[in-house]
N, C-alpha and C. Protein backbone atom coordinates (compact mmCIF):
# COMPACT_ATOMS: atom_id res chain seq x y z
N MET A 1 -26.17 99.25 6.08
CA MET A 1 -24.93 98.86 5.46
C MET A 1 -25.24 97.90 4.31
N LEU A 2 -24.63 98.11 3.18
CA LEU A 2 -24.81 97.28 1.99
C LEU A 2 -23.77 96.17 1.98
N THR A 3 -24.23 94.94 1.82
CA THR A 3 -23.32 93.80 1.73
C THR A 3 -23.24 93.38 0.28
N VAL A 4 -22.05 93.31 -0.24
CA VAL A 4 -21.84 92.89 -1.62
C VAL A 4 -21.36 91.44 -1.61
N LEU A 5 -22.05 90.60 -2.36
CA LEU A 5 -21.67 89.20 -2.43
C LEU A 5 -20.68 88.99 -3.57
N ASP A 6 -19.59 88.38 -3.28
CA ASP A 6 -18.57 88.09 -4.28
C ASP A 6 -18.72 86.64 -4.71
N PRO A 7 -19.05 86.37 -5.99
CA PRO A 7 -19.27 84.99 -6.44
C PRO A 7 -18.01 84.13 -6.38
N ARG A 8 -16.86 84.74 -6.15
CA ARG A 8 -15.61 83.97 -6.04
C ARG A 8 -15.38 83.47 -4.63
N LEU A 9 -16.29 83.79 -3.71
CA LEU A 9 -16.13 83.38 -2.32
C LEU A 9 -17.27 82.46 -1.90
N SER A 10 -16.96 81.53 -1.02
CA SER A 10 -17.98 80.65 -0.47
C SER A 10 -18.78 81.42 0.57
N ALA A 11 -19.83 80.78 1.09
CA ALA A 11 -20.64 81.41 2.13
C ALA A 11 -19.81 81.74 3.36
N ALA A 12 -18.75 80.97 3.59
CA ALA A 12 -17.88 81.21 4.75
C ALA A 12 -16.78 82.24 4.44
N GLY A 13 -16.80 82.79 3.21
CA GLY A 13 -15.82 83.80 2.85
C GLY A 13 -14.51 83.22 2.32
N GLU A 14 -14.49 81.91 2.08
CA GLU A 14 -13.28 81.27 1.55
C GLU A 14 -13.25 81.40 0.03
N ALA A 15 -12.06 81.52 -0.53
CA ALA A 15 -11.91 81.61 -1.98
C ALA A 15 -12.33 80.30 -2.63
N LEU A 16 -13.12 80.39 -3.69
CA LEU A 16 -13.53 79.22 -4.45
C LEU A 16 -12.55 79.02 -5.60
N ARG A 17 -12.29 77.77 -5.91
CA ARG A 17 -11.41 77.46 -7.03
C ARG A 17 -12.17 76.61 -8.03
N MET A 18 -11.96 76.89 -9.29
CA MET A 18 -12.55 76.08 -10.35
C MET A 18 -11.75 74.78 -10.45
N ALA A 19 -12.44 73.70 -10.73
CA ALA A 19 -11.75 72.43 -10.99
C ALA A 19 -11.03 72.55 -12.32
N PRO A 20 -9.92 71.86 -12.47
CA PRO A 20 -9.22 71.90 -13.75
C PRO A 20 -10.09 71.29 -14.85
N ALA A 21 -9.96 71.82 -16.05
CA ALA A 21 -10.72 71.30 -17.19
C ALA A 21 -10.22 69.91 -17.56
N VAL A 22 -11.13 69.06 -18.02
CA VAL A 22 -10.71 67.75 -18.50
C VAL A 22 -10.24 67.93 -19.94
N ALA A 23 -9.15 67.25 -20.29
CA ALA A 23 -8.57 67.39 -21.63
C ALA A 23 -9.48 66.79 -22.70
N SER A 24 -10.18 65.72 -22.34
CA SER A 24 -11.06 65.03 -23.28
C SER A 24 -12.20 64.40 -22.48
N LEU A 25 -13.33 64.25 -23.13
CA LEU A 25 -14.47 63.57 -22.49
C LEU A 25 -14.51 62.09 -22.85
N GLN A 26 -13.63 61.64 -23.73
CA GLN A 26 -13.58 60.24 -24.16
C GLN A 26 -13.42 59.33 -22.94
N GLY A 27 -14.40 58.42 -22.78
CA GLY A 27 -14.35 57.44 -21.69
C GLY A 27 -14.67 58.00 -20.31
N LYS A 28 -15.08 59.26 -20.24
CA LYS A 28 -15.33 59.91 -18.95
C LYS A 28 -16.78 59.69 -18.50
N VAL A 29 -17.01 60.00 -17.22
CA VAL A 29 -18.35 59.99 -16.63
C VAL A 29 -18.76 61.45 -16.46
N VAL A 30 -19.92 61.80 -17.01
CA VAL A 30 -20.40 63.18 -16.95
C VAL A 30 -21.73 63.22 -16.21
N GLY A 31 -21.84 64.13 -15.27
CA GLY A 31 -23.08 64.33 -14.55
C GLY A 31 -23.90 65.43 -15.19
N LEU A 32 -25.18 65.21 -15.31
CA LEU A 32 -26.12 66.23 -15.82
C LEU A 32 -27.09 66.54 -14.68
N LEU A 33 -27.00 67.74 -14.17
CA LEU A 33 -27.86 68.16 -13.06
C LEU A 33 -28.97 69.05 -13.59
N ASP A 34 -30.17 68.54 -13.53
CA ASP A 34 -31.37 69.22 -14.03
C ASP A 34 -31.97 70.04 -12.89
N ASN A 35 -32.27 71.30 -13.16
CA ASN A 35 -32.78 72.18 -12.10
C ASN A 35 -34.30 72.10 -11.93
N ALA A 36 -34.96 71.23 -12.64
CA ALA A 36 -36.40 70.97 -12.52
C ALA A 36 -37.28 72.02 -13.19
N LYS A 37 -36.70 72.86 -14.03
CA LYS A 37 -37.53 73.80 -14.79
C LYS A 37 -38.00 73.13 -16.07
N ILE A 38 -39.09 73.64 -16.61
CA ILE A 38 -39.66 73.10 -17.83
C ILE A 38 -38.62 73.22 -18.95
N GLY A 39 -38.43 72.16 -19.68
CA GLY A 39 -37.53 72.19 -20.83
C GLY A 39 -36.13 71.67 -20.55
N THR A 40 -35.71 71.64 -19.30
CA THR A 40 -34.34 71.21 -19.01
C THR A 40 -34.15 69.73 -19.32
N GLU A 41 -35.10 68.89 -18.95
CA GLU A 41 -34.96 67.45 -19.19
C GLU A 41 -34.84 67.16 -20.68
N ARG A 42 -35.66 67.79 -21.49
CA ARG A 42 -35.61 67.59 -22.95
C ARG A 42 -34.29 68.10 -23.52
N PHE A 43 -33.83 69.25 -23.05
CA PHE A 43 -32.55 69.80 -23.49
C PHE A 43 -31.42 68.83 -23.15
N TYR A 44 -31.44 68.30 -21.92
CA TYR A 44 -30.39 67.37 -21.49
C TYR A 44 -30.45 66.05 -22.25
N ASP A 45 -31.63 65.64 -22.71
CA ASP A 45 -31.72 64.44 -23.57
C ASP A 45 -30.86 64.65 -24.81
N HIS A 46 -30.97 65.83 -25.40
CA HIS A 46 -30.20 66.17 -26.60
C HIS A 46 -28.70 66.27 -26.28
N VAL A 47 -28.36 66.93 -25.17
CA VAL A 47 -26.96 67.07 -24.75
C VAL A 47 -26.36 65.68 -24.51
N ALA A 48 -27.11 64.79 -23.86
CA ALA A 48 -26.61 63.44 -23.57
C ALA A 48 -26.27 62.69 -24.86
N GLU A 49 -27.14 62.82 -25.86
CA GLU A 49 -26.90 62.18 -27.16
C GLU A 49 -25.60 62.67 -27.77
N ILE A 50 -25.40 63.98 -27.76
CA ILE A 50 -24.20 64.59 -28.33
C ILE A 50 -22.95 64.15 -27.56
N LEU A 51 -23.03 64.18 -26.24
CA LEU A 51 -21.87 63.81 -25.42
C LEU A 51 -21.42 62.38 -25.71
N GLN A 52 -22.36 61.49 -25.87
CA GLN A 52 -21.99 60.09 -26.10
C GLN A 52 -21.59 59.84 -27.55
N ALA A 53 -22.33 60.39 -28.51
CA ALA A 53 -22.05 60.13 -29.92
C ALA A 53 -20.80 60.85 -30.42
N ARG A 54 -20.62 62.09 -30.07
CA ARG A 54 -19.50 62.88 -30.61
C ARG A 54 -18.27 62.90 -29.72
N TYR A 55 -18.47 62.81 -28.42
CA TYR A 55 -17.35 63.00 -27.50
C TYR A 55 -16.96 61.74 -26.73
N GLY A 56 -17.66 60.64 -26.98
CA GLY A 56 -17.27 59.37 -26.39
C GLY A 56 -17.45 59.24 -24.89
N VAL A 57 -18.39 59.99 -24.34
CA VAL A 57 -18.66 59.88 -22.90
C VAL A 57 -19.14 58.46 -22.61
N ALA A 58 -18.51 57.84 -21.62
CA ALA A 58 -18.80 56.44 -21.30
C ALA A 58 -20.07 56.27 -20.48
N GLU A 59 -20.32 57.22 -19.58
CA GLU A 59 -21.46 57.09 -18.67
C GLU A 59 -22.00 58.46 -18.31
N LEU A 60 -23.31 58.53 -18.16
CA LEU A 60 -23.97 59.76 -17.72
C LEU A 60 -24.65 59.49 -16.39
N ILE A 61 -24.49 60.43 -15.47
CA ILE A 61 -25.21 60.38 -14.20
C ILE A 61 -26.20 61.53 -14.26
N ARG A 62 -27.49 61.22 -14.36
CA ARG A 62 -28.50 62.26 -14.47
C ARG A 62 -29.30 62.35 -13.18
N ARG A 63 -29.41 63.56 -12.69
CA ARG A 63 -30.20 63.81 -11.49
C ARG A 63 -31.04 65.06 -11.72
N ARG A 64 -32.21 65.09 -11.08
CA ARG A 64 -33.13 66.23 -11.19
C ARG A 64 -33.40 66.76 -9.79
N LYS A 65 -33.11 68.05 -9.60
CA LYS A 65 -33.38 68.67 -8.30
C LYS A 65 -34.87 68.63 -8.01
N PRO A 66 -35.25 68.58 -6.73
CA PRO A 66 -36.67 68.58 -6.38
C PRO A 66 -37.36 69.87 -6.81
N ASP A 67 -36.61 70.98 -6.82
CA ASP A 67 -37.21 72.25 -7.25
C ASP A 67 -36.10 73.24 -7.56
N ALA A 68 -36.39 74.14 -8.50
CA ALA A 68 -35.38 75.05 -9.04
C ALA A 68 -34.88 76.10 -8.07
N SER A 69 -35.65 76.41 -7.06
CA SER A 69 -35.29 77.53 -6.19
C SER A 69 -34.41 77.14 -5.00
N ARG A 70 -34.15 75.86 -4.84
CA ARG A 70 -33.36 75.41 -3.68
C ARG A 70 -32.04 74.82 -4.14
N PRO A 71 -31.04 74.82 -3.24
CA PRO A 71 -29.76 74.20 -3.57
C PRO A 71 -29.91 72.69 -3.79
N VAL A 72 -28.92 72.10 -4.39
CA VAL A 72 -28.91 70.66 -4.62
C VAL A 72 -28.79 69.95 -3.27
N PRO A 73 -29.67 68.98 -3.00
CA PRO A 73 -29.56 68.23 -1.75
C PRO A 73 -28.21 67.50 -1.66
N GLU A 74 -27.66 67.43 -0.47
CA GLU A 74 -26.36 66.78 -0.25
C GLU A 74 -26.34 65.34 -0.77
N ALA A 75 -27.41 64.61 -0.55
CA ALA A 75 -27.46 63.22 -1.00
C ALA A 75 -27.34 63.13 -2.52
N MET A 76 -27.93 64.08 -3.22
CA MET A 76 -27.86 64.10 -4.68
C MET A 76 -26.44 64.43 -5.14
N LEU A 77 -25.80 65.37 -4.45
CA LEU A 77 -24.41 65.68 -4.78
C LEU A 77 -23.53 64.47 -4.57
N ALA A 78 -23.77 63.73 -3.50
CA ALA A 78 -22.99 62.54 -3.21
C ALA A 78 -23.12 61.52 -4.34
N GLN A 79 -24.29 61.42 -4.95
CA GLN A 79 -24.51 60.48 -6.04
C GLN A 79 -23.73 60.88 -7.29
N MET A 80 -23.32 62.13 -7.38
CA MET A 80 -22.62 62.62 -8.57
C MET A 80 -21.11 62.73 -8.35
N ARG A 81 -20.63 62.35 -7.19
CA ARG A 81 -19.20 62.51 -6.87
C ARG A 81 -18.28 61.73 -7.78
N GLY A 82 -18.74 60.67 -8.41
CA GLY A 82 -17.90 59.89 -9.30
C GLY A 82 -17.73 60.49 -10.68
N ALA A 83 -18.41 61.58 -10.95
CA ALA A 83 -18.34 62.19 -12.29
C ALA A 83 -17.02 62.93 -12.49
N ASP A 84 -16.52 62.86 -13.72
CA ASP A 84 -15.32 63.61 -14.09
C ASP A 84 -15.66 65.06 -14.37
N ALA A 85 -16.90 65.31 -14.78
CA ALA A 85 -17.39 66.67 -15.07
C ALA A 85 -18.89 66.69 -14.81
N ILE A 86 -19.40 67.85 -14.42
CA ILE A 86 -20.84 67.99 -14.18
C ILE A 86 -21.34 69.23 -14.91
N LEU A 87 -22.46 69.06 -15.61
CA LEU A 87 -23.14 70.18 -16.25
C LEU A 87 -24.39 70.50 -15.43
N SER A 88 -24.53 71.73 -15.08
CA SER A 88 -25.72 72.17 -14.35
C SER A 88 -26.35 73.29 -15.16
N GLY A 89 -27.64 73.14 -15.48
CA GLY A 89 -28.26 74.13 -16.35
C GLY A 89 -29.63 74.57 -15.89
N ILE A 90 -30.06 75.62 -16.50
CA ILE A 90 -31.38 76.20 -16.22
C ILE A 90 -32.16 76.17 -17.52
N GLY A 91 -33.40 75.75 -17.44
CA GLY A 91 -34.23 75.70 -18.63
C GLY A 91 -35.64 76.14 -18.34
N ASP A 92 -36.30 76.65 -19.31
CA ASP A 92 -37.72 77.05 -19.21
C ASP A 92 -38.45 76.63 -20.45
């Protein structure tokens, strides 16, 4: 039997909902989640500069996963809970 995974559902089969978009990043806290691949940290250095200089982001919470192939550890997610928005990216 073939199982098809629906990206709109959680592992428990519950519907996932996107968080509402923030109207502005001015004065907001933004999380940058690095997946630990080569190039992501350097890319996020550039993104951080742009977010603060052009969009008025007040604070950045930067975290780097221990490795790209595993989910984000719960403790790391907890550290990012205060963010108004989180960017998660893949880099090589």
